[in-house]
C-alpha cells in the first residue's frame, strides 16, 4: 500500500468527493464492474501513484463504444 504520497491522497479525496457530492445527481453510466471510481480508489490504494495512471486508462475506456463488463484490478 503506497497511499502515503501527497498526490495519491489528493486523488483519493477527489474520488470520495465525486462519489458523495456529484455521482448521486447523475444517472448511472459506468459500463464496468467495479465502477470506475471504485476501480480508481482500489488502484491508488494498492499501487499509489502508478494507480492514478491505471485509473485514467480505465476512465478513458468508459465510453459507449466499449463493451464494458467485469474488469477487476489485477
N, C-alpha and C. Protein backbone atom coordinates (compact mmCIF):
# COMPACT_ATOMS: atom_id res chain seq x y z
N UNK A 1 0.84 -1.17 0.00
CA UNK A 1 0.00 0.00 0.00
C UNK A 1 0.89 1.24 0.00
N UNK A 2 0.78 2.02 -1.07
CA UNK A 2 1.64 3.18 -1.25
C UNK A 2 0.86 4.49 -1.20
N UNK A 3 -0.18 4.57 -0.42
CA UNK A 3 -1.02 5.77 -0.43
C UNK A 3 -0.47 6.88 0.45
N UNK A 4 0.79 6.79 0.84
CA UNK A 4 1.39 7.82 1.68
C UNK A 4 1.75 9.08 0.91
N UNK A 5 1.88 8.99 -0.40
CA UNK A 5 2.28 10.17 -1.16
C UNK A 5 1.14 11.19 -1.19
N UNK A 6 1.52 12.42 -1.23
CA UNK A 6 0.55 13.51 -1.23
C UNK A 6 -0.38 13.43 -2.43
N UNK A 7 0.17 13.16 -3.60
CA UNK A 7 -0.65 13.11 -4.82
C UNK A 7 -1.68 11.99 -4.73
N UNK A 8 -1.31 10.85 -4.16
CA UNK A 8 -2.26 9.74 -4.01
C UNK A 8 -3.38 10.13 -3.07
N UNK A 9 -3.04 10.77 -1.97
CA UNK A 9 -4.06 11.19 -1.01
C UNK A 9 -5.01 12.22 -1.63
N UNK A 10 -4.47 13.13 -2.42
CA UNK A 10 -5.31 14.14 -3.08
C UNK A 10 -6.30 13.46 -4.02
N UNK A 11 -5.83 12.51 -4.81
CA UNK A 11 -6.72 11.81 -5.73
C UNK A 11 -7.79 11.01 -4.99
N UNK A 12 -7.43 10.39 -3.88
CA UNK A 12 -8.43 9.66 -3.10
C UNK A 12 -9.50 10.61 -2.55
N UNK A 13 -9.09 11.77 -2.11
CA UNK A 13 -10.06 12.77 -1.63
C UNK A 13 -10.98 13.21 -2.76
N UNK A 14 -10.42 13.42 -3.95
CA UNK A 14 -11.23 13.82 -5.10
C UNK A 14 -12.23 12.74 -5.48
N UNK A 15 -11.81 11.49 -5.43
CA UNK A 15 -12.71 10.38 -5.75
C UNK A 15 -13.85 10.31 -4.74
N UNK A 16 -13.53 10.43 -3.48
CA UNK A 16 -14.57 10.40 -2.44
C UNK A 16 -15.52 11.59 -2.58
N UNK A 17 -15.00 12.76 -2.91
CA UNK A 17 -15.84 13.94 -3.14
C UNK A 17 -16.79 13.68 -4.31
N UNK A 18 -16.26 13.15 -5.40
CA UNK A 18 -17.09 12.83 -6.57
C UNK A 18 -18.21 11.87 -6.20
N UNK A 19 -17.85 10.80 -5.49
CA UNK A 19 -18.86 9.81 -5.11
C UNK A 19 -19.95 10.38 -4.21
N UNK A 20 -19.58 11.24 -3.32
CA UNK A 20 -20.53 11.76 -2.34
C UNK A 20 -21.38 12.92 -2.86
N UNK A 21 -20.78 13.83 -3.62
CA UNK A 21 -21.48 15.06 -3.97
C UNK A 21 -21.85 15.20 -5.45
N UNK A 22 -21.23 14.46 -6.34
CA UNK A 22 -21.53 14.61 -7.76
C UNK A 22 -22.28 13.40 -8.31
N UNK A 23 -21.77 12.22 -8.07
CA UNK A 23 -22.35 11.00 -8.60
C UNK A 23 -23.83 10.79 -8.26
N UNK A 24 -24.28 11.10 -7.05
CA UNK A 24 -25.70 10.87 -6.75
C UNK A 24 -26.67 11.67 -7.62
N UNK A 25 -26.21 12.75 -8.23
CA UNK A 25 -27.08 13.59 -9.04
C UNK A 25 -26.99 13.27 -10.54
N UNK A 26 -26.23 12.25 -10.89
CA UNK A 26 -26.07 11.86 -12.28
C UNK A 26 -26.64 10.46 -12.47
N UNK A 27 -27.15 10.16 -13.66
CA UNK A 27 -27.64 8.80 -13.89
C UNK A 27 -26.47 7.82 -13.93
N UNK A 28 -26.70 6.57 -13.52
CA UNK A 28 -25.62 5.58 -13.57
C UNK A 28 -25.18 5.37 -15.03
N UNK A 29 -23.91 5.52 -15.29
CA UNK A 29 -23.44 5.44 -16.67
C UNK A 29 -22.20 4.57 -16.83
N UNK A 30 -21.58 4.13 -15.75
CA UNK A 30 -20.35 3.35 -15.87
C UNK A 30 -20.66 2.00 -16.50
N UNK A 31 -19.84 1.61 -17.45
CA UNK A 31 -20.06 0.38 -18.19
C UNK A 31 -19.34 -0.81 -17.55
N UNK A 32 -18.65 -0.56 -16.47
CA UNK A 32 -17.81 -1.59 -15.87
C UNK A 32 -18.26 -1.96 -14.47
N UNK A 33 -17.81 -3.13 -14.05
CA UNK A 33 -17.91 -3.54 -12.65
C UNK A 33 -16.54 -4.03 -12.24
N UNK A 34 -15.96 -3.52 -11.17
CA UNK A 34 -16.43 -2.43 -10.33
C UNK A 34 -16.47 -1.11 -11.10
N UNK A 35 -17.23 -0.16 -10.58
CA UNK A 35 -17.34 1.13 -11.26
C UNK A 35 -15.97 1.78 -11.39
N UNK A 36 -15.88 2.74 -12.25
CA UNK A 36 -14.59 3.41 -12.48
C UNK A 36 -14.06 4.09 -11.22
N UNK A 37 -14.95 4.67 -10.42
CA UNK A 37 -14.47 5.32 -9.19
C UNK A 37 -14.01 4.28 -8.17
N UNK A 38 -14.70 3.13 -8.09
CA UNK A 38 -14.25 2.07 -7.19
C UNK A 38 -12.90 1.52 -7.64
N UNK A 39 -12.77 1.31 -8.95
CA UNK A 39 -11.53 0.81 -9.53
C UNK A 39 -10.38 1.79 -9.25
N UNK A 40 -10.64 3.08 -9.45
CA UNK A 40 -9.61 4.10 -9.21
C UNK A 40 -9.17 4.10 -7.76
N UNK A 41 -10.12 4.02 -6.84
CA UNK A 41 -9.77 4.00 -5.42
C UNK A 41 -8.94 2.77 -5.08
N UNK A 42 -9.35 1.61 -5.58
CA UNK A 42 -8.59 0.38 -5.33
C UNK A 42 -7.18 0.47 -5.91
N UNK A 43 -7.08 0.98 -7.14
CA UNK A 43 -5.78 1.07 -7.81
C UNK A 43 -4.83 2.00 -7.06
N UNK A 44 -5.33 3.14 -6.62
CA UNK A 44 -4.47 4.10 -5.91
C UNK A 44 -4.06 3.55 -4.56
N UNK A 45 -4.98 2.89 -3.87
CA UNK A 45 -4.64 2.29 -2.57
C UNK A 45 -3.60 1.19 -2.72
N UNK A 46 -3.69 0.43 -3.80
CA UNK A 46 -2.78 -0.71 -3.99
C UNK A 46 -1.44 -0.28 -4.60
N UNK A 47 -1.47 0.61 -5.59
CA UNK A 47 -0.26 0.93 -6.35
C UNK A 47 0.25 2.36 -6.16
N UNK A 48 -0.46 3.18 -5.40
CA UNK A 48 0.00 4.55 -5.21
C UNK A 48 -0.10 5.36 -6.48
N UNK A 49 0.95 6.10 -6.81
CA UNK A 49 0.94 6.98 -7.98
C UNK A 49 0.72 6.20 -9.27
N UNK A 50 1.24 4.99 -9.37
CA UNK A 50 1.01 4.16 -10.56
C UNK A 50 -0.48 3.88 -10.73
N UNK A 51 -1.19 3.76 -9.63
CA UNK A 51 -2.63 3.52 -9.67
C UNK A 51 -3.39 4.66 -10.33
N UNK A 52 -2.86 5.87 -10.25
CA UNK A 52 -3.50 7.01 -10.90
C UNK A 52 -3.52 6.78 -12.41
N UNK A 53 -2.43 6.30 -12.96
CA UNK A 53 -2.38 6.03 -14.40
C UNK A 53 -3.30 4.88 -14.79
N UNK A 54 -3.40 3.86 -13.93
CA UNK A 54 -4.33 2.76 -14.19
C UNK A 54 -5.77 3.28 -14.19
N UNK A 55 -6.07 4.17 -13.26
CA UNK A 55 -7.42 4.73 -13.17
C UNK A 55 -7.74 5.58 -14.40
N UNK A 56 -6.80 6.39 -14.84
CA UNK A 56 -7.02 7.22 -16.02
C UNK A 56 -7.24 6.34 -17.25
N UNK A 57 -6.45 5.29 -17.38
CA UNK A 57 -6.62 4.37 -18.51
C UNK A 57 -8.01 3.75 -18.50
N UNK A 58 -8.47 3.35 -17.32
CA UNK A 58 -9.80 2.76 -17.18
C UNK A 58 -10.90 3.77 -17.53
N UNK A 59 -10.78 5.00 -17.05
CA UNK A 59 -11.78 6.02 -17.33
C UNK A 59 -11.85 6.32 -18.83
N UNK A 60 -10.71 6.30 -19.50
CA UNK A 60 -10.69 6.54 -20.95
C UNK A 60 -11.38 5.42 -21.73
N UNK A 61 -11.45 4.22 -21.15
CA UNK A 61 -12.15 3.10 -21.80
C UNK A 61 -13.65 3.15 -21.56
N UNK A 62 -14.12 3.97 -20.65
CA UNK A 62 -15.53 4.01 -20.27
C UNK A 62 -16.30 4.95 -21.21
N UNK A 63 -16.69 4.41 -22.35
CA UNK A 63 -17.45 5.19 -23.33
C UNK A 63 -18.41 4.25 -24.06
N UNK A 64 -19.36 4.77 -24.80
CA UNK A 64 -20.40 3.93 -25.42
C UNK A 64 -19.89 2.90 -26.43
N UNK A 65 -18.70 3.09 -26.96
CA UNK A 65 -18.20 2.17 -27.97
C UNK A 65 -17.39 1.01 -27.39
N UNK A 66 -17.20 0.99 -26.09
CA UNK A 66 -16.50 -0.11 -25.41
C UNK A 66 -17.56 -0.99 -24.74
N UNK A 67 -17.41 -2.31 -24.84
CA UNK A 67 -18.45 -3.19 -24.27
C UNK A 67 -18.55 -3.15 -22.75
N UNK A 68 -17.49 -2.76 -22.05
CA UNK A 68 -17.53 -2.72 -20.59
C UNK A 68 -17.52 -4.13 -20.01
N UNK A 69 -18.20 -4.32 -18.87
CA UNK A 69 -18.27 -5.63 -18.23
C UNK A 69 -17.40 -5.71 -16.99
N UNK A 70 -17.10 -6.94 -16.60
CA UNK A 70 -16.31 -7.18 -15.40
C UNK A 70 -14.84 -6.93 -15.70
N UNK A 71 -14.23 -6.01 -14.98
CA UNK A 71 -12.83 -5.64 -15.20
C UNK A 71 -12.18 -5.35 -13.85
N UNK A 72 -11.78 -6.41 -13.14
CA UNK A 72 -11.20 -6.21 -11.80
C UNK A 72 -9.77 -5.67 -11.86
N UNK A 73 -9.34 -5.10 -10.77
CA UNK A 73 -7.95 -4.66 -10.64
C UNK A 73 -7.07 -5.88 -10.48
N UNK A 74 -5.97 -5.90 -11.18
CA UNK A 74 -5.05 -7.06 -11.08
C UNK A 74 -3.89 -6.71 -10.21
